[in-house]
C-alpha cells in the first residue's frame, strides 16, 4: 500500500521536478552559446565645441518646444458592456431563527431539539 502511494506521489511530482531542475545538457548548436562578455571600451571624449543634441545643431534658431503631457487613458470597460460600480459594501443580517424547532425523532435529525433530557 505504501509503495503504491509512493509511486503515485513520484508520478505526480515528476513535472514539478522537471521544471525546477537545472539544465544539465548543453545546447545542440554550439553557435547558440553566448560569448563571454568583452570589456567595453570607454566612449570617446565629447567635443566641447559640438552641441550635445544633434537636433539643436540642425536648427539653432528654432525655439525648444516643451513636450505635451500624454493624453489621459480611457477608462477600462467591463467585458460584455456591463457597468460595474463599486460602492460601500452592504451588510445583510442573518436569517432569523425559527420560532419552533422540530423534536428529534428517527426521521427528523436535522435542526431539531432534544426531548426533555434524553
C-alpha atoms as a PDB file:
ATOM      1  CA  UNK A   1       0.000   0.000   0.000  1.00  0.00           C
ATOM      2  CA  UNK A   2       2.808   2.402   0.908  1.00  0.00           C
ATOM      3  CA  UNK A   3       4.675   1.579  -2.293  1.00  0.00           C
ATOM      4  CA  UNK A   4       1.587   2.401  -4.384  1.00  0.00           C
ATOM      5  CA  UNK A   5       1.221   5.773  -2.652  1.00  0.00           C
ATOM      6  CA  UNK A   6       4.931   6.468  -3.068  1.00  0.00           C
ATOM      7  CA  UNK A   7       4.785   5.617  -6.778  1.00  0.00           C
ATOM      8  CA  UNK A   8       1.714   7.818  -7.280  1.00  0.00           C
ATOM      9  CA  UNK A   9       3.389  10.730  -5.489  1.00  0.00           C
ATOM     10  CA  UNK A  10       6.502  10.308  -7.632  1.00  0.00           C
ATOM     11  CA  UNK A  11       4.434  10.344 -10.834  1.00  0.00           C
ATOM     12  CA  UNK A  12       2.570  13.468  -9.760  1.00  0.00           C
ATOM     13  CA  UNK A  13       5.771  15.272  -8.718  1.00  0.00           C
ATOM     14  CA  UNK A  14       7.725  14.458 -11.898  1.00  0.00           C
ATOM     15  CA  UNK A  15       6.581  17.539 -13.903  1.00  0.00           C
ATOM     16  CA  UNK A  16       7.340  19.821 -10.957  1.00  0.00           C
ATOM     17  CA  UNK A  17      10.797  18.335 -10.524  1.00  0.00           C
ATOM     18  CA  UNK A  18      11.453  18.617 -14.256  1.00  0.00           C
ATOM     19  CA  UNK A  19      10.535  22.320 -14.257  1.00  0.00           C
ATOM     20  CA  UNK A  20      12.695  23.215 -11.269  1.00  0.00           C
ATOM     21  CA  UNK A  21      15.749  21.077 -12.091  1.00  0.00           C
ATOM     22  CA  UNK A  22      18.695  22.902 -13.710  1.00  0.00           C
ATOM     23  CA  UNK A  23      19.556  22.124 -17.318  1.00  0.00           C
ATOM     24  CA  UNK A  24      22.424  19.632 -17.447  1.00  0.00           C
ATOM     25  CA  UNK A  25      22.563  19.029 -21.202  1.00  0.00           C
ATOM     26  CA  UNK A  26      24.472  21.517 -23.387  1.00  0.00           C
ATOM     27  CA  UNK A  27      22.575  23.193 -26.229  1.00  0.00           C
ATOM     28  CA  UNK A  28      22.601  21.331 -29.536  1.00  0.00           C
ATOM     29  CA  UNK A  29      24.022  24.262 -31.525  1.00  0.00           C
ATOM     30  CA  UNK A  30      27.449  25.418 -30.278  1.00  0.00           C
ATOM     31  CA  UNK A  31      26.952  28.751 -32.093  1.00  0.00           C
ATOM     32  CA  UNK A  32      23.895  29.412 -29.922  1.00  0.00           C
ATOM     33  CA  UNK A  33      26.084  29.627 -26.822  1.00  0.00           C
ATOM     34  CA  UNK A  34      26.693  33.128 -25.636  1.00  0.00           C
ATOM     35  CA  UNK A  35      30.195  34.500 -25.981  1.00  0.00           C
ATOM     36  CA  UNK A  36      31.949  35.785 -22.863  1.00  0.00           C
ATOM     37  CA  UNK A  37      31.379  39.457 -22.294  1.00  0.00           C
ATOM     38  CA  UNK A  38      34.160  41.655 -23.633  1.00  0.00           C
ATOM     39  CA  UNK A  39      35.174  44.690 -21.622  1.00  0.00           C
ATOM     40  CA  UNK A  40      33.641  47.797 -23.119  1.00  0.00           C
ATOM     41  CA  UNK A  41      35.911  50.499 -24.457  1.00  0.00           C
ATOM     42  CA  UNK A  42      35.429  53.908 -22.846  1.00  0.00           C
ATOM     43  CA  UNK A  43      33.450  56.333 -25.012  1.00  0.00           C
ATOM     44  CA  UNK A  44      35.454  58.994 -26.844  1.00  0.00           C
ATOM     45  CA  UNK A  45      35.679  62.336 -25.050  1.00  0.00           C
ATOM     46  CA  UNK A  46      32.957  64.782 -26.025  1.00  0.00           C
ATOM     47  CA  UNK A  47      33.904  67.694 -28.256  1.00  0.00           C
ATOM     48  CA  UNK A  48      33.206  70.864 -26.256  1.00  0.00           C
ATOM     49  CA  UNK A  49      32.519  72.832 -29.452  1.00  0.00           C
ATOM     50  CA  UNK A  50      29.758  70.444 -30.636  1.00  0.00           C
ATOM     51  CA  UNK A  51      26.260  70.774 -29.120  1.00  0.00           C
ATOM     52  CA  UNK A  52      25.031  67.839 -27.075  1.00  0.00           C
ATOM     53  CA  UNK A  53      21.771  67.478 -29.015  1.00  0.00           C
ATOM     54  CA  UNK A  54      22.075  66.840 -32.790  1.00  0.00           C
ATOM     55  CA  UNK A  55      18.609  68.349 -33.340  1.00  0.00           C
ATOM     56  CA  UNK A  56      19.809  71.605 -31.848  1.00  0.00           C
ATOM     57  CA  UNK A  57      22.765  71.650 -34.284  1.00  0.00           C
ATOM     58  CA  UNK A  58      20.421  71.293 -37.277  1.00  0.00           C
ATOM     59  CA  UNK A  59      18.264  74.347 -36.489  1.00  0.00           C
ATOM     60  CA  UNK A  60      19.671  76.617 -33.777  1.00  0.00           C
ATOM     61  CA  UNK A  61      17.023  79.326 -34.369  1.00  0.00           C
ATOM     62  CA  UNK A  62      14.053  77.034 -33.623  1.00  0.00           C
ATOM     63  CA  UNK A  63      12.656  77.532 -30.109  1.00  0.00           C
ATOM     64  CA  UNK A  64      12.634  74.492 -27.867  1.00  0.00           C
ATOM     65  CA  UNK A  65       9.010  73.375 -27.553  1.00  0.00           C
ATOM     66  CA  UNK A  66       8.071  71.700 -24.282  1.00  0.00           C
ATOM     67  CA  UNK A  67       6.639  68.230 -24.600  1.00  0.00           C
ATOM     68  CA  UNK A  68       2.884  67.990 -24.382  1.00  0.00           C
ATOM     69  CA  UNK A  69       1.540  65.904 -21.485  1.00  0.00           C
ATOM     70  CA  UNK A  70       0.219  62.499 -22.511  1.00  0.00           C
ATOM     71  CA  UNK A  71      -3.493  62.159 -23.063  1.00  0.00           C
ATOM     72  CA  UNK A  72      -5.378  60.569 -20.178  1.00  0.00           C
ATOM     73  CA  UNK A  73      -6.040  56.897 -20.623  1.00  0.00           C
ATOM     74  CA  UNK A  74      -9.588  55.855 -21.404  1.00  0.00           C
ATOM     75  CA  UNK A  75     -11.346  54.105 -18.531  1.00  0.00           C
ATOM     76  CA  UNK A  76     -11.403  50.370 -18.918  1.00  0.00           C
ATOM     77  CA  UNK A  77     -14.761  48.985 -19.915  1.00  0.00           C
ATOM     78  CA  UNK A  78     -16.096  45.856 -18.298  1.00  0.00           C
ATOM     79  CA  UNK A  79     -16.395  42.816 -20.563  1.00  0.00           C
ATOM     80  CA  UNK A  80     -19.830  42.402 -22.076  1.00  0.00           C
ATOM     81  CA  UNK A  81     -20.639  46.080 -21.758  1.00  0.00           C
ATOM     82  CA  UNK A  82     -21.804  45.787 -18.139  1.00  0.00           C
ATOM     83  CA  UNK A  83     -21.047  48.737 -15.899  1.00  0.00           C
ATOM     84  CA  UNK A  84     -19.558  47.730 -12.580  1.00  0.00           C
ATOM     85  CA  UNK A  85     -19.956  50.269  -9.800  1.00  0.00           C
ATOM     86  CA  UNK A  86     -18.025  49.811  -6.591  1.00  0.00           C
ATOM     87  CA  UNK A  87     -19.553  51.378  -3.525  1.00  0.00           C
ATOM     88  CA  UNK A  88     -19.998  50.792   0.144  1.00  0.00           C
ATOM     89  CA  UNK A  89     -20.497  47.111   0.963  1.00  0.00           C
ATOM     90  CA  UNK A  90     -23.972  46.231   2.113  1.00  0.00           C
ATOM     91  CA  UNK A  91     -24.404  44.110   5.197  1.00  0.00           C
ATOM     92  CA  UNK A  92     -27.269  41.646   5.168  1.00  0.00           C
ATOM     93  CA  UNK A  93     -28.435  40.423   8.556  1.00  0.00           C
ATOM     94  CA  UNK A  94     -28.529  36.668   9.137  1.00  0.00           C
ATOM     95  CA  UNK A  95     -31.826  34.898   8.711  1.00  0.00           C
ATOM     96  CA  UNK A  96     -33.812  34.821  11.949  1.00  0.00           C
ATOM     97  CA  UNK A  97     -34.001  31.604  13.918  1.00  0.00           C
ATOM     98  CA  UNK A  98     -37.248  29.681  13.626  1.00  0.00           C
ATOM     99  CA  UNK A  99     -39.714  30.197  16.461  1.00  0.00           C
ATOM    100  CA  UNK A 100     -40.228  26.460  16.921  1.00  0.00           C
ATOM    101  CA  UNK A 101     -37.701  23.677  16.339  1.00  0.00           C
ATOM    102  CA  UNK A 102     -38.934  20.173  15.450  1.00  0.00           C
ATOM    103  CA  UNK A 103     -38.495  17.482  18.053  1.00  0.00           C
ATOM    104  CA  UNK A 104     -35.807  14.901  17.265  1.00  0.00           C
ATOM    105  CA  UNK A 105     -37.052  11.516  16.107  1.00  0.00           C
ATOM    106  CA  UNK A 106     -35.860   8.729  13.839  1.00  0.00           C
ATOM    107  CA  UNK A 107     -36.909  10.652  10.764  1.00  0.00           C
ATOM    108  CA  UNK A 108     -36.133  14.219  11.929  1.00  0.00           C
ATOM    109  CA  UNK A 109     -32.480  14.718  12.870  1.00  0.00           C
ATOM    110  CA  UNK A 110     -31.506  17.981  11.218  1.00  0.00           C
ATOM    111  CA  UNK A 111     -32.110  21.181  13.193  1.00  0.00           C
ATOM    112  CA  UNK A 112     -34.118  19.501  15.939  1.00  0.00           C
ATOM    113  CA  UNK A 113     -34.127  19.853  19.724  1.00  0.00           C
ATOM    114  CA  UNK A 114     -33.784  17.029  22.183  1.00  0.00           C
ATOM    115  CA  UNK A 115     -36.833  15.960  24.143  1.00  0.00           C
ATOM    116  CA  UNK A 116     -36.615  16.653  27.871  1.00  0.00           C
ATOM    117  CA  UNK A 117     -33.150  15.494  28.945  1.00  0.00           C
ATOM    118  CA  UNK A 118     -32.825  12.388  26.745  1.00  0.00           C
END
